[in-house]
Amino acid sequence: MEYFIPGDKFPAVSLTGNYCALSCEHCMGKYLRGMHHVRNDNDLIKLARLLEEKGAHGMLISGGCDPSGRVPLSKYRRPLKEIKKSTSLIIAAHPGFISAIDIQPIVDLIDVLFFDVVGDDRIFREIYHLPFDIGFMEDMIRVVSDSGIRYISPHITFGLYWGRESGERTALRMLAGMRFNSLIINAVLSTPGTAFSRISLDREGFIDFVVTARRFFRSKRIILGCMRPRDFELEDAVAPYVDGIAMPTLCVRKKYPGTIRAICCGIPPEIYQNMKN
């Protein structure tokens, strides 16, 4: 078992501060507050150099979305190019819902691409406030798979439709023919100040979904991601079916001895296997 505890070694960076045009029901910008904020090109370059000086391994570039569901990653092409040239940082990026036009400018600037897989049109409309459908999602999967980016880690969030399972298994089927390195499985959690403040996770449904994902992808890396309730019993139930757990409880670490990695869980072993914490 591998445990991913990135801390300051692999922080998340928001390119939009606390702002997000979508204000999705489950987040409403709350999770942007815990990220490093940059306002311009120089801010990003300075942050990258500071992180490297402090011994960081890399950073996750993310942020709020514009009305079309995209994080403005391509606007930061110049500083990303400079960071790749002048530092040894690993650059992971979560660019939102993108097209081929959006992805091509950043192909040579990032090491790992993260993206969300949605299997129900209602999640796009009611949760993300976007006019997309499953057809768009299938097109995006093809675009990402064919992009030329070497490492890809799709994310599926269980219970995103108001706490209920809806389309997660469809999302698995959509990924069946895709080239990817790690599947990250998250779970909806109660978040104060959002429409999901009183949401409760269907625990049995979630456990069954993780088991199904393992049966579906027997030879792929499956990771229990960081966006989920911190719960030993939940971790214990799915531990036999995953290769790693992000931000684990102390109890699960004691029960299942493993290796701690000071890196984001979506980074593949090919990148971090010789890296010192």
C-alpha atoms as a PDB file:
ATOM      1  CA  MET A   1       0.000   0.000   0.000  1.00  0.00           C
ATOM      2  CA  GLU A   2       1.140   3.539  -0.755  1.00  0.00           C
ATOM      3  CA  TYR A   3       0.005   6.567   1.206  1.00  0.00           C
ATOM      4  CA  PHE A   4       0.055  10.012  -0.372  1.00  0.00           C
ATOM      5  CA  ILE A   5       0.569  12.950   1.979  1.00  0.00           C
ATOM      6  CA  PRO A   6       1.795  15.825  -0.220  1.00  0.00           C
ATOM      7  CA  GLY A   7       1.790  18.719   2.252  1.00  0.00           C
ATOM      8  CA  ASP A   8       4.190  21.473   1.227  1.00  0.00           C
ATOM      9  CA  LYS A   9       6.052  19.098  -1.080  1.00  0.00           C
ATOM     10  CA  PHE A  10       3.296  19.232  -3.691  1.00  0.00           C
ATOM     11  CA  PRO A  11       0.869  22.101  -3.031  1.00  0.00           C
ATOM     12  CA  ALA A  12      -2.169  23.080  -5.071  1.00  0.00           C
ATOM     13  CA  VAL A  13      -2.145  26.440  -6.849  1.00  0.00           C
ATOM     14  CA  SER A  14      -5.197  28.430  -7.923  1.00  0.00           C
ATOM     15  CA  LEU A  15      -4.775  30.586 -11.015  1.00  0.00           C
ATOM     16  CA  THR A  16      -7.993  32.441 -10.166  1.00  0.00           C
ATOM     17  CA  GLY A  17      -7.688  33.060  -6.439  1.00  0.00           C
ATOM     18  CA  ASN A  18     -11.023  32.344  -4.759  1.00  0.00           C
ATOM     19  CA  TYR A  19     -12.997  33.128  -7.906  1.00  0.00           C
ATOM     20  CA  CYS A  20     -14.987  30.570  -9.898  1.00  0.00           C
ATOM     21  CA  ALA A  21     -17.664  31.561 -12.406  1.00  0.00           C
ATOM     22  CA  LEU A  22     -19.528  28.263 -12.018  1.00  0.00           C
ATOM     23  CA  SER A  23     -19.916  28.115  -8.228  1.00  0.00           C
ATOM     24  CA  CYS A  24     -20.664  24.387  -8.460  1.00  0.00           C
ATOM     25  CA  GLU A  25     -23.100  23.109  -5.853  1.00  0.00           C
ATOM     26  CA  HIS A  26     -20.625  20.859  -4.044  1.00  0.00           C
ATOM     27  CA  CYS A  27     -17.784  23.396  -3.825  1.00  0.00           C
ATOM     28  CA  MET A  28     -18.935  27.015  -4.368  1.00  0.00           C
ATOM     29  CA  GLY A  29     -15.292  28.066  -4.335  1.00  0.00           C
ATOM     30  CA  LYS A  30     -14.669  26.836  -0.787  1.00  0.00           C
ATOM     31  CA  TYR A  31     -11.838  24.508  -1.768  1.00  0.00           C
ATOM     32  CA  LEU A  32     -10.007  27.266  -3.629  1.00  0.00           C
ATOM     33  CA  ARG A  33      -9.338  28.998  -0.316  1.00  0.00           C
ATOM     34  CA  GLY A  34      -6.823  26.394   0.799  1.00  0.00           C
ATOM     35  CA  MET A  35      -4.656  26.751  -2.309  1.00  0.00           C
ATOM     36  CA  HIS A  36      -1.740  29.041  -3.075  1.00  0.00           C
ATOM     37  CA  HIS A  37      -3.085  32.000  -5.068  1.00  0.00           C
ATOM     38  CA  VAL A  38      -1.332  33.656  -8.003  1.00  0.00           C
ATOM     39  CA  ARG A  39      -2.499  36.780  -9.807  1.00  0.00           C
ATOM     40  CA  ASN A  40      -0.178  36.934 -12.796  1.00  0.00           C
ATOM     41  CA  ASP A  41       2.746  35.315 -14.621  1.00  0.00           C
ATOM     42  CA  ASN A  42       5.392  36.627 -12.239  1.00  0.00           C
ATOM     43  CA  ASP A  43       3.503  35.380  -9.186  1.00  0.00           C
ATOM     44  CA  LEU A  44       3.503  31.850 -10.593  1.00  0.00           C
ATOM     45  CA  ILE A  45       7.196  31.920 -11.471  1.00  0.00           C
ATOM     46  CA  LYS A  46       8.140  33.315  -8.048  1.00  0.00           C
ATOM     47  CA  LEU A  47       6.042  30.685  -6.297  1.00  0.00           C
ATOM     48  CA  ALA A  48       7.610  27.883  -8.318  1.00  0.00           C
ATOM     49  CA  ARG A  49      11.136  29.032  -7.516  1.00  0.00           C
ATOM     50  CA  LEU A  50      10.296  29.421  -3.840  1.00  0.00           C
ATOM     51  CA  LEU A  51       8.802  25.933  -3.736  1.00  0.00           C
ATOM     52  CA  GLU A  52      11.886  24.435  -5.338  1.00  0.00           C
ATOM     53  CA  GLU A  53      14.148  26.273  -2.885  1.00  0.00           C
ATOM     54  CA  LYS A  54      12.144  24.714  -0.047  1.00  0.00           C
ATOM     55  CA  GLY A  55      12.508  21.234  -1.494  1.00  0.00           C
ATOM     56  CA  ALA A  56       9.103  20.765  -3.092  1.00  0.00           C
ATOM     57  CA  HIS A  57       8.655  18.048  -5.697  1.00  0.00           C
ATOM     58  CA  GLY A  58       6.077  19.873  -7.772  1.00  0.00           C
ATOM     59  CA  MET A  59       2.702  21.564  -7.779  1.00  0.00           C
ATOM     60  CA  LEU A  60      -0.852  21.000  -8.915  1.00  0.00           C
ATOM     61  CA  ILE A  61      -2.066  23.837 -11.122  1.00  0.00           C
ATOM     62  CA  SER A  62      -5.809  24.350 -10.809  1.00  0.00           C
ATOM     63  CA  GLY A  63      -8.271  27.080  -9.926  1.00  0.00           C
ATOM     64  CA  GLY A  64     -11.806  28.214 -10.559  1.00  0.00           C
ATOM     65  CA  CYS A  65     -13.495  27.788 -13.922  1.00  0.00           C
ATOM     66  CA  ASP A  66     -14.701  30.350 -16.434  1.00  0.00           C
ATOM     67  CA  PRO A  67     -18.355  30.180 -17.594  1.00  0.00           C
ATOM     68  CA  SER A  68     -17.359  27.482 -20.105  1.00  0.00           C
ATOM     69  CA  GLY A  69     -15.956  25.197 -17.424  1.00  0.00           C
ATOM     70  CA  ARG A  70     -12.273  25.806 -18.113  1.00  0.00           C
ATOM     71  CA  VAL A  71      -9.436  26.804 -15.798  1.00  0.00           C
ATOM     72  CA  PRO A  72      -7.412  29.521 -17.649  1.00  0.00           C
ATOM     73  CA  LEU A  73      -4.302  27.375 -17.989  1.00  0.00           C
ATOM     74  CA  SER A  74      -3.370  28.434 -21.526  1.00  0.00           C
ATOM     75  CA  LYS A  75      -3.099  32.068 -20.376  1.00  0.00           C
ATOM     76  CA  TYR A  76      -0.165  30.986 -18.223  1.00  0.00           C
ATOM     77  CA  ARG A  77       1.786  29.354 -21.017  1.00  0.00           C
ATOM     78  CA  ARG A  78       4.741  31.767 -20.669  1.00  0.00           C
ATOM     79  CA  PRO A  79       5.377  31.208 -16.942  1.00  0.00           C
ATOM     80  CA  LEU A  80       4.772  27.464 -17.257  1.00  0.00           C
ATOM     81  CA  LYS A  81       7.357  27.327 -20.016  1.00  0.00           C
ATOM     82  CA  GLU A  82       9.807  29.226 -17.811  1.00  0.00           C
ATOM     83  CA  ILE A  83       9.120  26.902 -14.860  1.00  0.00           C
ATOM     84  CA  LYS A  84       9.740  23.813 -16.980  1.00  0.00           C
ATOM     85  CA  LYS A  85      12.971  25.354 -18.233  1.00  0.00           C
ATOM     86  CA  SER A  86      14.407  26.687 -14.985  1.00  0.00           C
ATOM     87  CA  THR A  87      13.173  24.244 -12.314  1.00  0.00           C
ATOM     88  CA  SER A  88      12.870  20.505 -11.810  1.00  0.00           C
ATOM     89  CA  LEU A  89       9.324  20.720 -10.454  1.00  0.00           C
ATOM     90  CA  ILE A  90       6.714  18.222 -11.582  1.00  0.00           C
ATOM     91  CA  ILE A  91       3.730  20.054 -13.035  1.00  0.00           C
ATOM     92  CA  ALA A  92       0.318  18.445 -12.690  1.00  0.00           C
ATOM     93  CA  ALA A  93      -2.703  20.302 -14.005  1.00  0.00           C
ATOM     94  CA  HIS A  94      -6.461  20.115 -13.563  1.00  0.00           C
ATOM     95  CA  PRO A  95      -7.732  22.291 -16.442  1.00  0.00           C
ATOM     96  CA  GLY A  96     -11.471  21.682 -16.146  1.00  0.00           C
ATOM     97  CA  PHE A  97     -13.657  20.603 -19.049  1.00  0.00           C
ATOM     98  CA  ILE A  98     -11.617  21.247 -22.161  1.00  0.00           C
ATOM     99  CA  SER A  99     -11.501  20.734 -25.924  1.00  0.00           C
ATOM    100  CA  ALA A 100      -8.670  19.998 -28.345  1.00  0.00           C
ATOM    101  CA  ILE A 101      -8.196  23.746 -28.850  1.00  0.00           C
ATOM    102  CA  ASP A 102      -7.651  24.223 -25.118  1.00  0.00           C
ATOM    103  CA  ILE A 103      -5.286  21.327 -24.572  1.00  0.00           C
ATOM    104  CA  GLN A 104      -2.814  21.753 -27.421  1.00  0.00           C
ATOM    105  CA  PRO A 105      -1.103  24.915 -26.052  1.00  0.00           C
ATOM    106  CA  ILE A 106      -0.231  23.134 -22.793  1.00  0.00           C
ATOM    107  CA  VAL A 107       0.748  19.645 -23.992  1.00  0.00           C
ATOM    108  CA  ASP A 108       4.481  20.280 -23.692  1.00  0.00           C
ATOM    109  CA  LEU A 109       4.217  22.245 -20.436  1.00  0.00           C
ATOM    110  CA  ILE A 110       2.677  19.765 -18.010  1.00  0.00           C
ATOM    111  CA  ASP A 111       3.754  16.340 -16.822  1.00  0.00           C
ATOM    112  CA  VAL A 112       0.441  14.925 -15.617  1.00  0.00           C
ATOM    113  CA  LEU A 113      -3.128  15.813 -16.559  1.00  0.00           C
ATOM    114  CA  PHE A 114      -6.042  15.376 -14.147  1.00  0.00           C
ATOM    115  CA  PHE A 115      -9.646  15.546 -15.315  1.00  0.00           C
ATOM    116  CA  ASP A 116     -13.103  14.717 -13.986  1.00  0.00           C
ATOM    117  CA  VAL A 117     -15.251  12.047 -15.626  1.00  0.00           C
ATOM    118  CA  VAL A 118     -19.005  12.622 -15.424  1.00  0.00           C
ATOM    119  CA  GLY A 119     -21.472   9.890 -16.373  1.00  0.00           C
ATOM    120  CA  ASP A 120     -24.816  11.676 -16.017  1.00  0.00           C
ATOM    121  CA  ASP A 121     -26.086  14.731 -17.912  1.00  0.00           C
ATOM    122  CA  ARG A 122     -27.874  15.955 -14.779  1.00  0.00           C
ATOM    123  CA  ILE A 123     -24.574  16.404 -12.961  1.00  0.00           C
ATOM    124  CA  PHE A 124     -23.418  18.783 -15.665  1.00  0.00           C
ATOM    125  CA  ARG A 125     -26.651  20.784 -15.538  1.00  0.00           C
ATOM    126  CA  GLU A 126     -27.551  20.771 -11.852  1.00  0.00           C
ATOM    127  CA  ILE A 127     -24.180  20.528 -10.112  1.00  0.00           C
ATOM    128  CA  TYR A 128     -21.664  22.133 -12.500  1.00  0.00           C
ATOM    129  CA  HIS A 129     -24.152  24.530 -14.158  1.00  0.00           C
ATOM    130  CA  LEU A 130     -22.829  23.615 -17.598  1.00  0.00           C
ATOM    131  CA  PRO A 131     -24.752  22.795 -20.821  1.00  0.00           C
ATOM    132  CA  PHE A 132     -22.757  19.629 -21.463  1.00  0.00           C
ATOM    133  CA  ASP A 133     -23.809  16.008 -21.831  1.00  0.00           C
ATOM    134  CA  ILE A 134     -22.315  12.536 -22.018  1.00  0.00           C
ATOM    135  CA  GLY A 135     -21.468  13.081 -25.677  1.00  0.00           C
ATOM    136  CA  PHE A 136     -19.246  16.002 -24.677  1.00  0.00           C
ATOM    137  CA  MET A 137     -17.609  13.834 -22.010  1.00  0.00           C
ATOM    138  CA  GLU A 138     -16.855  11.070 -24.500  1.00  0.00           C
ATOM    139  CA  ASP A 139     -15.338  13.605 -26.895  1.00  0.00           C
ATOM    140  CA  MET A 140     -13.205  15.056 -24.114  1.00  0.00           C
ATOM    141  CA  ILE A 141     -11.926  11.620 -23.141  1.00  0.00           C
ATOM    142  CA  ARG A 142     -10.801  11.062 -26.735  1.00  0.00           C
ATOM    143  CA  VAL A 143      -9.163  14.489 -26.859  1.00  0.00           C
ATOM    144  CA  VAL A 144      -7.248  13.887 -23.631  1.00  0.00           C
ATOM    145  CA  SER A 145      -6.229  10.368 -24.631  1.00  0.00           C
ATOM    146  CA  ASP A 146      -4.935  11.566 -28.002  1.00  0.00           C
ATOM    147  CA  SER A 147      -3.338  14.757 -26.677  1.00  0.00           C
ATOM    148  CA  GLY A 148       0.223  13.487 -26.425  1.00  0.00           C
ATOM    149  CA  ILE A 149       0.393  14.159 -22.690  1.00  0.00           C
ATOM    150  CA  ARG A 150       2.227  11.138 -21.335  1.00  0.00           C
ATOM    151  CA  TYR A 151       0.615  10.763 -17.925  1.00  0.00           C
ATOM    152  CA  ILE A 152      -3.134  11.014 -17.373  1.00  0.00           C
ATOM    153  CA  SER A 153      -5.110  10.476 -14.161  1.00  0.00           C
ATOM    154  CA  PRO A 154      -8.906  10.639 -14.540  1.00  0.00           C
ATOM    155  CA  HIS A 155     -11.015  11.333 -11.449  1.00  0.00           C
ATOM    156  CA  ILE A 156     -14.478   9.993 -10.640  1.00  0.00           C
ATOM    157  CA  THR A 157     -16.383  11.473  -7.700  1.00  0.00           C
ATOM    158  CA  PHE A 158     -18.971   9.146  -6.204  1.00  0.00           C
ATOM    159  CA  GLY A 159     -22.273  10.697  -5.101  1.00  0.00           C
ATOM    160  CA  LEU A 160     -21.903  13.958  -6.985  1.00  0.00           C
ATOM    161  CA  TYR A 161     -25.598  13.955  -7.884  1.00  0.00           C
ATOM    162  CA  TRP A 162     -26.868  15.270  -4.555  1.00  0.00           C
ATOM    163  CA  GLY A 163     -25.202  12.460  -2.647  1.00  0.00           C
ATOM    164  CA  ARG A 164     -26.717   9.694  -4.760  1.00  0.00           C
ATOM    165  CA  GLU A 165     -25.001   7.376  -7.199  1.00  0.00           C
ATOM    166  CA  SER A 166     -25.756   8.518 -10.720  1.00  0.00           C
ATOM    167  CA  GLY A 167     -23.583   7.707 -13.701  1.00  0.00           C
ATOM    168  CA  GLU A 168     -20.425   6.613 -11.890  1.00  0.00           C
ATOM    169  CA  ARG A 169     -20.491   3.177 -13.519  1.00  0.00           C
ATOM    170  CA  THR A 170     -21.149   4.804 -16.874  1.00  0.00           C
ATOM    171  CA  ALA A 171     -18.003   6.843 -16.235  1.00  0.00           C
ATOM    172  CA  LEU A 172     -16.063   3.601 -15.729  1.00  0.00           C
ATOM    173  CA  ARG A 173     -17.315   2.257 -19.051  1.00  0.00           C
ATOM    174  CA  MET A 174     -16.367   5.470 -20.825  1.00  0.00           C
ATOM    175  CA  LEU A 175     -12.801   5.068 -19.580  1.00  0.00           C
ATOM    176  CA  ALA A 176     -12.571   1.452 -20.742  1.00  0.00           C
ATOM    177  CA  GLY A 177     -10.866   2.229 -24.034  1.00  0.00           C
ATOM    178  CA  MET A 178      -8.795   5.148 -22.804  1.00  0.00           C
ATOM    179  CA  ARG A 179      -5.077   5.341 -22.226  1.00  0.00           C
ATOM    180  CA  PHE A 180      -4.523   6.416 -18.621  1.00  0.00           C
ATOM    181  CA  ASN A 181      -2.153   5.755 -15.722  1.00  0.00           C
ATOM    182  CA  SER A 182      -4.156   6.022 -12.502  1.00  0.00           C
ATOM    183  CA  LEU A 183      -7.847   6.191 -11.696  1.00  0.00           C
ATOM    184  CA  ILE A 184      -8.552   8.472  -8.751  1.00  0.00           C
ATOM    185  CA  ILE A 185     -11.794   7.760  -6.906  1.00  0.00           C
ATOM    186  CA  ASN A 186     -13.192  10.499  -4.690  1.00  0.00           C
ATOM    187  CA  ALA A 187     -16.420  10.690  -2.710  1.00  0.00           C
ATOM    188  CA  VAL A 188     -18.807  13.519  -2.032  1.00  0.00           C
ATOM    189  CA  LEU A 189     -18.539  15.019   1.426  1.00  0.00           C
ATOM    190  CA  SER A 190     -20.455  17.480   3.537  1.00  0.00           C
ATOM    191  CA  THR A 191     -19.045  20.973   2.970  1.00  0.00           C
ATOM    192  CA  PRO A 192     -20.281  23.878   5.148  1.00  0.00           C
ATOM    193  CA  GLY A 193     -21.410  26.922   3.214  1.00  0.00           C
ATOM    194  CA  THR A 194     -22.412  24.961   0.118  1.00  0.00           C
ATOM    195  CA  ALA A 195     -25.539  23.234  -1.129  1.00  0.00           C
ATOM    196  CA  PHE A 196     -23.881  20.019   0.017  1.00  0.00           C
ATOM    197  CA  SER A 197     -23.587  21.082   3.649  1.00  0.00           C
ATOM    198  CA  ARG A 198     -25.948  18.324   4.788  1.00  0.00           C
ATOM    199  CA  ILE A 199     -25.071  15.698   2.212  1.00  0.00           C
ATOM    200  CA  SER A 200     -24.290  12.242   3.549  1.00  0.00           C
ATOM    201  CA  LEU A 201     -22.348   9.630   1.620  1.00  0.00           C
ATOM    202  CA  ASP A 202     -23.999   6.358   0.630  1.00  0.00           C
ATOM    203  CA  ARG A 203     -21.245   4.331   2.244  1.00  0.00           C
ATOM    204  CA  GLU A 204     -22.311   0.894   1.041  1.00  0.00           C
ATOM    205  CA  GLY A 205     -22.848   2.231  -2.454  1.00  0.00           C
ATOM    206  CA  PHE A 206     -19.410   3.812  -2.438  1.00  0.00           C
ATOM    207  CA  ILE A 207     -17.690   0.635  -1.253  1.00  0.00           C
ATOM    208  CA  ASP A 208     -19.501  -1.379  -3.923  1.00  0.00           C
ATOM    209  CA  PHE A 209     -18.434   1.136  -6.552  1.00  0.00           C
ATOM    210  CA  VAL A 210     -14.758   0.836  -5.590  1.00  0.00           C
ATOM    211  CA  VAL A 211     -15.040  -2.963  -5.779  1.00  0.00           C
ATOM    212  CA  THR A 212     -16.662  -2.640  -9.207  1.00  0.00           C
ATOM    213  CA  ALA A 213     -13.909  -0.294 -10.385  1.00  0.00           C
ATOM    214  CA  ARG A 214     -11.290  -2.845  -9.376  1.00  0.00           C
ATOM    215  CA  ARG A 215     -13.091  -5.621 -11.242  1.00  0.00           C
ATOM    216  CA  PHE A 216     -13.390  -3.318 -14.231  1.00  0.00           C
ATOM    217  CA  PHE A 217      -9.728  -2.298 -14.212  1.00  0.00           C
ATOM    218  CA  ARG A 218      -7.840  -5.264 -12.784  1.00  0.00           C
ATOM    219  CA  SER A 219      -4.399  -4.122 -13.936  1.00  0.00           C
ATOM    220  CA  LYS A 220      -4.752  -0.343 -13.505  1.00  0.00           C
ATOM    221  CA  ARG A 221      -3.662   1.697 -10.503  1.00  0.00           C
ATOM    222  CA  ILE A 222      -6.673   2.771  -8.472  1.00  0.00           C
ATOM    223  CA  ILE A 223      -6.204   5.387  -5.764  1.00  0.00           C
ATOM    224  CA  LEU A 224      -8.603   6.543  -3.057  1.00  0.00           C
ATOM    225  CA  GLY A 225      -8.312  10.295  -3.523  1.00  0.00           C
ATOM    226  CA  CYS A 226      -8.111  13.125  -1.015  1.00  0.00           C
ATOM    227  CA  MET A 227     -11.583  14.588  -1.640  1.00  0.00           C
ATOM    228  CA  ARG A 228     -13.639  12.324   0.582  1.00  0.00           C
ATOM    229  CA  PRO A 229     -14.718  11.888   4.217  1.00  0.00           C
ATOM    230  CA  ARG A 230     -11.811  11.030   6.544  1.00  0.00           C
ATOM    231  CA  ASP A 231     -13.087   7.738   7.890  1.00  0.00           C
ATOM    232  CA  PHE A 232     -11.093   4.676   8.941  1.00  0.00           C
ATOM    233  CA  GLU A 233     -13.976   2.247   8.452  1.00  0.00           C
ATOM    234  CA  LEU A 234     -14.459   3.485   4.894  1.00  0.00           C
ATOM    235  CA  GLU A 235     -10.731   3.241   4.163  1.00  0.00           C
ATOM    236  CA  ASP A 236     -10.578  -0.203   5.740  1.00  0.00           C
ATOM    237  CA  ALA A 237     -13.432  -1.465   3.564  1.00  0.00           C
ATOM    238  CA  VAL A 238     -11.859  -0.371   0.274  1.00  0.00           C
ATOM    239  CA  ALA A 239      -8.172  -0.895   1.111  1.00  0.00           C
ATOM    240  CA  PRO A 240      -8.037  -4.406  -0.445  1.00  0.00           C
ATOM    241  CA  TYR A 241      -9.205  -2.956  -3.756  1.00  0.00           C
ATOM    242  CA  VAL A 242      -6.941   0.074  -4.139  1.00  0.00           C
ATOM    243  CA  ASP A 243      -3.236   0.602  -4.692  1.00  0.00           C
ATOM    244  CA  GLY A 244      -2.973   3.713  -2.576  1.00  0.00           C
ATOM    245  CA  ILE A 245      -4.802   6.135  -0.305  1.00  0.00           C
ATOM    246  CA  ALA A 246      -4.408   9.903  -0.233  1.00  0.00           C
ATOM    247  CA  MET A 247      -4.404  11.643   3.135  1.00  0.00           C
ATOM    248  CA  PRO A 248      -5.024   8.424   5.111  1.00  0.00           C
ATOM    249  CA  THR A 249      -6.116   8.153   8.714  1.00  0.00           C
ATOM    250  CA  LEU A 250      -3.493   6.996  11.198  1.00  0.00           C
ATOM    251  CA  CYS A 251      -5.574   3.896  11.910  1.00  0.00           C
ATOM    252  CA  VAL A 252      -5.471   2.649   8.334  1.00  0.00           C
ATOM    253  CA  ARG A 253      -1.724   3.273   8.155  1.00  0.00           C
ATOM    254  CA  LYS A 254      -1.245   1.113  11.233  1.00  0.00           C
ATOM    255  CA  LYS A 255      -3.445  -1.699   9.928  1.00  0.00           C
ATOM    256  CA  TYR A 256      -1.966  -1.722   6.420  1.00  0.00           C
ATOM    257  CA  PRO A 257       1.743  -0.829   6.637  1.00  0.00           C
ATOM    258  CA  GLY A 258       2.956   0.886   3.512  1.00  0.00           C
ATOM    259  CA  THR A 259       5.131   3.554   1.970  1.00  0.00           C
ATOM    260  CA  ILE A 260       4.433   7.236   2.526  1.00  0.00           C
ATOM    261  CA  ARG A 261       4.830   9.444  -0.539  1.00  0.00           C
ATOM    262  CA  ALA A 262       5.109  13.211  -0.156  1.00  0.00           C
ATOM    263  CA  ILE A 263       3.430  13.773  -3.491  1.00  0.00           C
ATOM    264  CA  CYS A 264       0.005  14.157  -5.073  1.00  0.00           C
ATOM    265  CA  CYS A 265      -1.769  10.817  -5.474  1.00  0.00           C
ATOM    266  CA  GLY A 266      -2.331  11.286  -9.209  1.00  0.00           C
ATOM    267  CA  ILE A 267       1.388  11.278  -9.984  1.00  0.00           C
ATOM    268  CA  PRO A 268       2.444   7.909 -11.464  1.00  0.00           C
ATOM    269  CA  PRO A 269       5.244   5.734 -10.026  1.00  0.00           C
ATOM    270  CA  GLU A 270       7.317   6.262 -13.155  1.00  0.00           C
ATOM    271  CA  ILE A 271       7.859   9.818 -11.942  1.00  0.00           C
ATOM    272  CA  TYR A 272       8.244   9.406  -8.182  1.00  0.00           C
ATOM    273  CA  GLN A 273       9.756   5.940  -7.679  1.00  0.00           C
ATOM    274  CA  ASN A 274      13.305   7.260  -7.228  1.00  0.00           C
ATOM    275  CA  MET A 275      12.268  10.420  -5.423  1.00  0.00           C
ATOM    276  CA  LYS A 276      13.183  11.116  -1.819  1.00  0.00           C
ATOM    277  CA  ASN A 277      10.503  12.458   0.525  1.00  0.00           C
END
